[in-house]
Amino acid sequence: MAAIEEVRRARELSKYSLLSKPNVLGVGYGYKEKAGRRTADLCVVALVRVKLPKSSLAPRELVPPTLDGVSTDVVQVGDIRALQARTDR
């Protein structure tokens, strides 16, 4: 299991390369999910519009399974859109 500092460092070193991939909207860190359940393993998280099967992606479009020895996870978040700012405050 990776320590939080290792995960943060891996995220910082890889965020721009991950964000350059089509479909990747954001990069963060958190707990890895397997079969819809959160595990105790910290990882770098790639946020994608749509989670696609690996077979439909070119090798350069894939999020690698590890970054600097830290596991990765791909999480589908859908379309992100800015909302109007609140003006009632």
N, C-alpha and C. Protein backbone atom coordinates (compact mmCIF):
# COMPACT_ATOMS: atom_id res chain seq x y z
N MET A 1 0.85 -1.17 0.00
CA MET A 1 0.00 0.00 0.00
C MET A 1 0.90 1.24 0.00
N ALA A 2 0.57 2.20 -0.85
CA ALA A 2 1.37 3.42 -0.98
C ALA A 2 1.00 4.42 0.12
N ALA A 3 2.01 5.15 0.57
CA ALA A 3 1.78 6.22 1.54
C ALA A 3 1.25 7.44 0.81
N ILE A 4 0.54 8.30 1.53
CA ILE A 4 -0.09 9.46 0.92
C ILE A 4 0.92 10.34 0.19
N GLU A 5 2.11 10.52 0.72
CA GLU A 5 3.12 11.36 0.06
C GLU A 5 3.57 10.76 -1.27
N GLU A 6 3.68 9.43 -1.33
CA GLU A 6 4.03 8.76 -2.59
C GLU A 6 2.94 8.99 -3.63
N VAL A 7 1.69 8.90 -3.20
CA VAL A 7 0.56 9.07 -4.11
C VAL A 7 0.50 10.51 -4.61
N ARG A 8 0.67 11.47 -3.72
CA ARG A 8 0.67 12.88 -4.12
C ARG A 8 1.79 13.16 -5.13
N ARG A 9 2.96 12.62 -4.86
CA ARG A 9 4.09 12.84 -5.75
C ARG A 9 3.82 12.23 -7.13
N ALA A 10 3.30 11.00 -7.16
CA ALA A 10 2.98 10.35 -8.44
C ALA A 10 1.93 11.15 -9.20
N ARG A 11 0.95 11.70 -8.50
CA ARG A 11 -0.08 12.52 -9.15
C ARG A 11 0.55 13.77 -9.76
N GLU A 12 1.38 14.46 -8.99
CA GLU A 12 2.01 15.68 -9.49
C GLU A 12 2.87 15.41 -10.71
N LEU A 13 3.63 14.33 -10.68
CA LEU A 13 4.53 14.01 -11.79
C LEU A 13 3.79 13.57 -13.05
N SER A 14 2.58 13.06 -12.91
CA SER A 14 1.88 12.48 -14.06
C SER A 14 0.64 13.24 -14.50
N LYS A 15 0.22 14.28 -13.78
CA LYS A 15 -1.07 14.89 -14.08
C LYS A 15 -1.16 15.44 -15.50
N TYR A 16 -0.10 16.06 -16.00
CA TYR A 16 -0.18 16.64 -17.35
C TYR A 16 -0.21 15.57 -18.43
N SER A 17 0.52 14.50 -18.24
CA SER A 17 0.47 13.42 -19.24
C SER A 17 -0.89 12.74 -19.23
N LEU A 18 -1.49 12.59 -18.05
CA LEU A 18 -2.83 12.00 -17.99
C LEU A 18 -3.88 12.94 -18.58
N LEU A 19 -3.78 14.23 -18.28
CA LEU A 19 -4.76 15.19 -18.80
C LEU A 19 -4.67 15.35 -20.31
N SER A 20 -3.55 14.97 -20.91
CA SER A 20 -3.41 15.08 -22.36
C SER A 20 -4.13 13.93 -23.08
N LYS A 21 -4.56 12.93 -22.35
CA LYS A 21 -5.27 11.80 -22.96
C LYS A 21 -6.72 12.19 -23.23
N PRO A 22 -7.24 11.77 -24.40
CA PRO A 22 -8.64 12.07 -24.68
C PRO A 22 -9.53 11.41 -23.61
N ASN A 23 -10.59 12.07 -23.24
CA ASN A 23 -11.57 11.54 -22.29
C ASN A 23 -11.19 11.78 -20.83
N VAL A 24 -9.92 12.11 -20.51
CA VAL A 24 -9.54 12.37 -19.12
C VAL A 24 -9.87 13.83 -18.80
N LEU A 25 -10.71 14.03 -17.78
CA LEU A 25 -11.16 15.37 -17.40
C LEU A 25 -10.45 15.92 -16.18
N GLY A 26 -9.92 15.03 -15.35
CA GLY A 26 -9.26 15.47 -14.13
C GLY A 26 -8.40 14.36 -13.55
N VAL A 27 -7.52 14.76 -12.63
CA VAL A 27 -6.63 13.81 -11.98
C VAL A 27 -6.58 14.15 -10.50
N GLY A 28 -6.73 13.14 -9.68
CA GLY A 28 -6.68 13.34 -8.24
C GLY A 28 -6.09 12.12 -7.57
N TYR A 29 -6.40 11.96 -6.31
CA TYR A 29 -5.98 10.75 -5.61
C TYR A 29 -7.06 10.37 -4.62
N GLY A 30 -7.11 9.10 -4.30
CA GLY A 30 -8.14 8.61 -3.39
C GLY A 30 -7.97 7.11 -3.21
N TYR A 31 -9.04 6.46 -2.80
CA TYR A 31 -9.00 5.02 -2.58
C TYR A 31 -9.44 4.30 -3.84
N LYS A 32 -8.74 3.24 -4.18
CA LYS A 32 -9.05 2.44 -5.35
C LYS A 32 -10.36 1.70 -5.13
N GLU A 33 -11.15 1.61 -6.19
CA GLU A 33 -12.40 0.84 -6.14
C GLU A 33 -12.26 -0.41 -6.98
N LYS A 34 -12.78 -1.52 -6.47
CA LYS A 34 -12.82 -2.77 -7.21
C LYS A 34 -14.22 -3.33 -7.08
N ALA A 35 -14.82 -3.65 -8.21
CA ALA A 35 -16.18 -4.20 -8.24
C ALA A 35 -17.16 -3.31 -7.48
N GLY A 36 -16.99 -1.99 -7.61
CA GLY A 36 -17.91 -1.04 -6.99
C GLY A 36 -17.71 -0.82 -5.50
N ARG A 37 -16.67 -1.41 -4.93
CA ARG A 37 -16.41 -1.26 -3.50
C ARG A 37 -15.05 -0.61 -3.29
N ARG A 38 -15.01 0.32 -2.34
CA ARG A 38 -13.76 1.01 -2.03
C ARG A 38 -12.83 0.07 -1.27
N THR A 39 -11.56 0.10 -1.67
CA THR A 39 -10.54 -0.70 -0.98
C THR A 39 -9.77 0.22 -0.02
N ALA A 40 -8.81 -0.32 0.67
CA ALA A 40 -7.97 0.47 1.59
C ALA A 40 -6.72 0.99 0.89
N ASP A 41 -6.61 0.77 -0.43
CA ASP A 41 -5.41 1.15 -1.18
C ASP A 41 -5.54 2.54 -1.77
N LEU A 42 -4.59 3.42 -1.43
CA LEU A 42 -4.54 4.75 -2.03
C LEU A 42 -4.00 4.64 -3.44
N CYS A 43 -4.49 5.51 -4.33
CA CYS A 43 -4.06 5.46 -5.72
C CYS A 43 -4.23 6.83 -6.38
N VAL A 44 -3.66 6.97 -7.58
CA VAL A 44 -3.90 8.13 -8.42
C VAL A 44 -5.19 7.85 -9.19
N VAL A 45 -6.12 8.80 -9.20
CA VAL A 45 -7.42 8.61 -9.84
C VAL A 45 -7.51 9.48 -11.09
N ALA A 46 -7.83 8.85 -12.21
CA ALA A 46 -8.09 9.57 -13.46
C ALA A 46 -9.60 9.66 -13.63
N LEU A 47 -10.11 10.87 -13.73
CA LEU A 47 -11.54 11.10 -13.91
C LEU A 47 -11.83 11.20 -15.40
N VAL A 48 -12.72 10.35 -15.90
CA VAL A 48 -13.02 10.31 -17.33
C VAL A 48 -14.49 10.57 -17.58
N ARG A 49 -14.77 11.09 -18.77
CA ARG A 49 -16.15 11.35 -19.17
C ARG A 49 -16.92 10.03 -19.24
N VAL A 50 -16.36 9.07 -19.99
CA VAL A 50 -16.98 7.75 -20.15
C VAL A 50 -15.89 6.70 -19.99
N LYS A 51 -16.15 5.70 -19.18
CA LYS A 51 -15.18 4.61 -19.01
C LYS A 51 -15.39 3.62 -20.15
N LEU A 52 -14.38 3.49 -20.98
CA LEU A 52 -14.47 2.64 -22.17
C LEU A 52 -13.69 1.35 -21.96
N PRO A 53 -14.07 0.29 -22.70
CA PRO A 53 -13.29 -0.95 -22.61
C PRO A 53 -11.87 -0.72 -23.12
N LYS A 54 -10.90 -1.35 -22.50
CA LYS A 54 -9.50 -1.20 -22.93
C LYS A 54 -9.32 -1.56 -24.40
N SER A 55 -10.09 -2.53 -24.87
CA SER A 55 -9.96 -2.99 -26.26
C SER A 55 -10.34 -1.92 -27.27
N SER A 56 -11.11 -0.91 -26.86
CA SER A 56 -11.52 0.14 -27.80
C SER A 56 -10.59 1.35 -27.78
N LEU A 57 -9.53 1.30 -26.98
CA LEU A 57 -8.60 2.42 -26.87
C LEU A 57 -7.25 2.07 -27.47
N ALA A 58 -6.61 3.08 -28.06
CA ALA A 58 -5.24 2.91 -28.54
C ALA A 58 -4.32 2.83 -27.32
N PRO A 59 -3.18 2.18 -27.44
CA PRO A 59 -2.27 2.07 -26.30
C PRO A 59 -1.91 3.42 -25.67
N ARG A 60 -1.74 4.46 -26.46
CA ARG A 60 -1.38 5.78 -25.92
C ARG A 60 -2.53 6.44 -25.17
N GLU A 61 -3.76 5.95 -25.37
CA GLU A 61 -4.94 6.52 -24.70
C GLU A 61 -5.22 5.87 -23.35
N LEU A 62 -4.57 4.76 -23.06
CA LEU A 62 -4.81 4.03 -21.82
C LEU A 62 -4.15 4.72 -20.63
N VAL A 63 -4.83 4.68 -19.49
CA VAL A 63 -4.22 5.11 -18.23
C VAL A 63 -3.41 3.92 -17.74
N PRO A 64 -2.11 4.11 -17.49
CA PRO A 64 -1.30 2.97 -17.07
C PRO A 64 -1.77 2.41 -15.72
N PRO A 65 -1.56 1.12 -15.48
CA PRO A 65 -2.00 0.52 -14.22
C PRO A 65 -1.26 1.05 -13.00
N THR A 66 -0.02 1.52 -13.20
CA THR A 66 0.75 2.14 -12.11
C THR A 66 1.51 3.34 -12.64
N LEU A 67 1.79 4.28 -11.75
CA LEU A 67 2.61 5.46 -12.04
C LEU A 67 3.64 5.58 -10.93
N ASP A 68 4.89 5.45 -11.27
CA ASP A 68 5.97 5.51 -10.27
C ASP A 68 5.71 4.55 -9.11
N GLY A 69 5.21 3.36 -9.42
CA GLY A 69 4.96 2.35 -8.39
C GLY A 69 3.66 2.51 -7.62
N VAL A 70 2.85 3.51 -8.00
CA VAL A 70 1.56 3.77 -7.33
C VAL A 70 0.43 3.31 -8.25
N SER A 71 -0.53 2.57 -7.71
CA SER A 71 -1.68 2.10 -8.49
C SER A 71 -2.50 3.26 -9.02
N THR A 72 -3.21 3.01 -10.12
CA THR A 72 -4.14 4.00 -10.67
C THR A 72 -5.54 3.43 -10.67
N ASP A 73 -6.52 4.31 -10.79
CA ASP A 73 -7.91 3.91 -10.92
C ASP A 73 -8.55 4.88 -11.91
N VAL A 74 -9.49 4.39 -12.69
CA VAL A 74 -10.22 5.22 -13.65
C VAL A 74 -11.67 5.29 -13.18
N VAL A 75 -12.17 6.51 -13.00
CA VAL A 75 -13.53 6.72 -12.48
C VAL A 75 -14.32 7.55 -13.48
N GLN A 76 -15.48 7.04 -13.87
CA GLN A 76 -16.36 7.75 -14.79
C GLN A 76 -17.13 8.83 -14.05
N VAL A 77 -17.06 10.08 -14.57
CA VAL A 77 -17.76 11.19 -13.93
C VAL A 77 -18.78 11.87 -14.85
N GLY A 78 -18.82 11.47 -16.12
CA GLY A 78 -19.75 12.09 -17.05
C GLY A 78 -19.27 13.46 -17.50
N ASP A 79 -20.16 14.22 -18.10
CA ASP A 79 -19.81 15.57 -18.55
C ASP A 79 -19.78 16.52 -17.37
N ILE A 80 -18.78 17.37 -17.36
CA ILE A 80 -18.67 18.38 -16.32
C ILE A 80 -19.02 19.71 -16.95
N ARG A 81 -19.91 20.44 -16.31
CA ARG A 81 -20.27 21.75 -16.86
C ARG A 81 -20.34 22.77 -15.74
N ALA A 82 -19.94 23.97 -16.08
CA ALA A 82 -19.96 25.05 -15.10
C ALA A 82 -21.39 25.51 -14.88
N LEU A 83 -21.73 25.77 -13.66
CA LEU A 83 -23.05 26.28 -13.33
C LEU A 83 -22.94 27.76 -13.00
N GLN A 84 -24.06 28.43 -13.10
CA GLN A 84 -24.07 29.86 -12.79
C GLN A 84 -23.77 30.08 -11.32
N ALA A 85 -23.00 31.11 -11.04
CA ALA A 85 -22.67 31.44 -9.66
C ALA A 85 -23.91 31.93 -8.92
N ARG A 86 -23.96 31.63 -7.65
CA ARG A 86 -25.07 32.13 -6.83
C ARG A 86 -24.93 33.63 -6.65
N THR A 87 -26.03 34.33 -6.74
CA THR A 87 -26.00 35.79 -6.58
C THR A 87 -26.86 36.24 -5.40
N ASP A 88 -27.43 35.28 -4.65
CA ASP A 88 -28.34 35.63 -3.56
C ASP A 88 -27.62 35.82 -2.22
N ARG A 89 -26.33 35.87 -2.21
CA ARG A 89 -25.59 36.04 -0.95
C ARG A 89 -25.08 37.44 -0.81
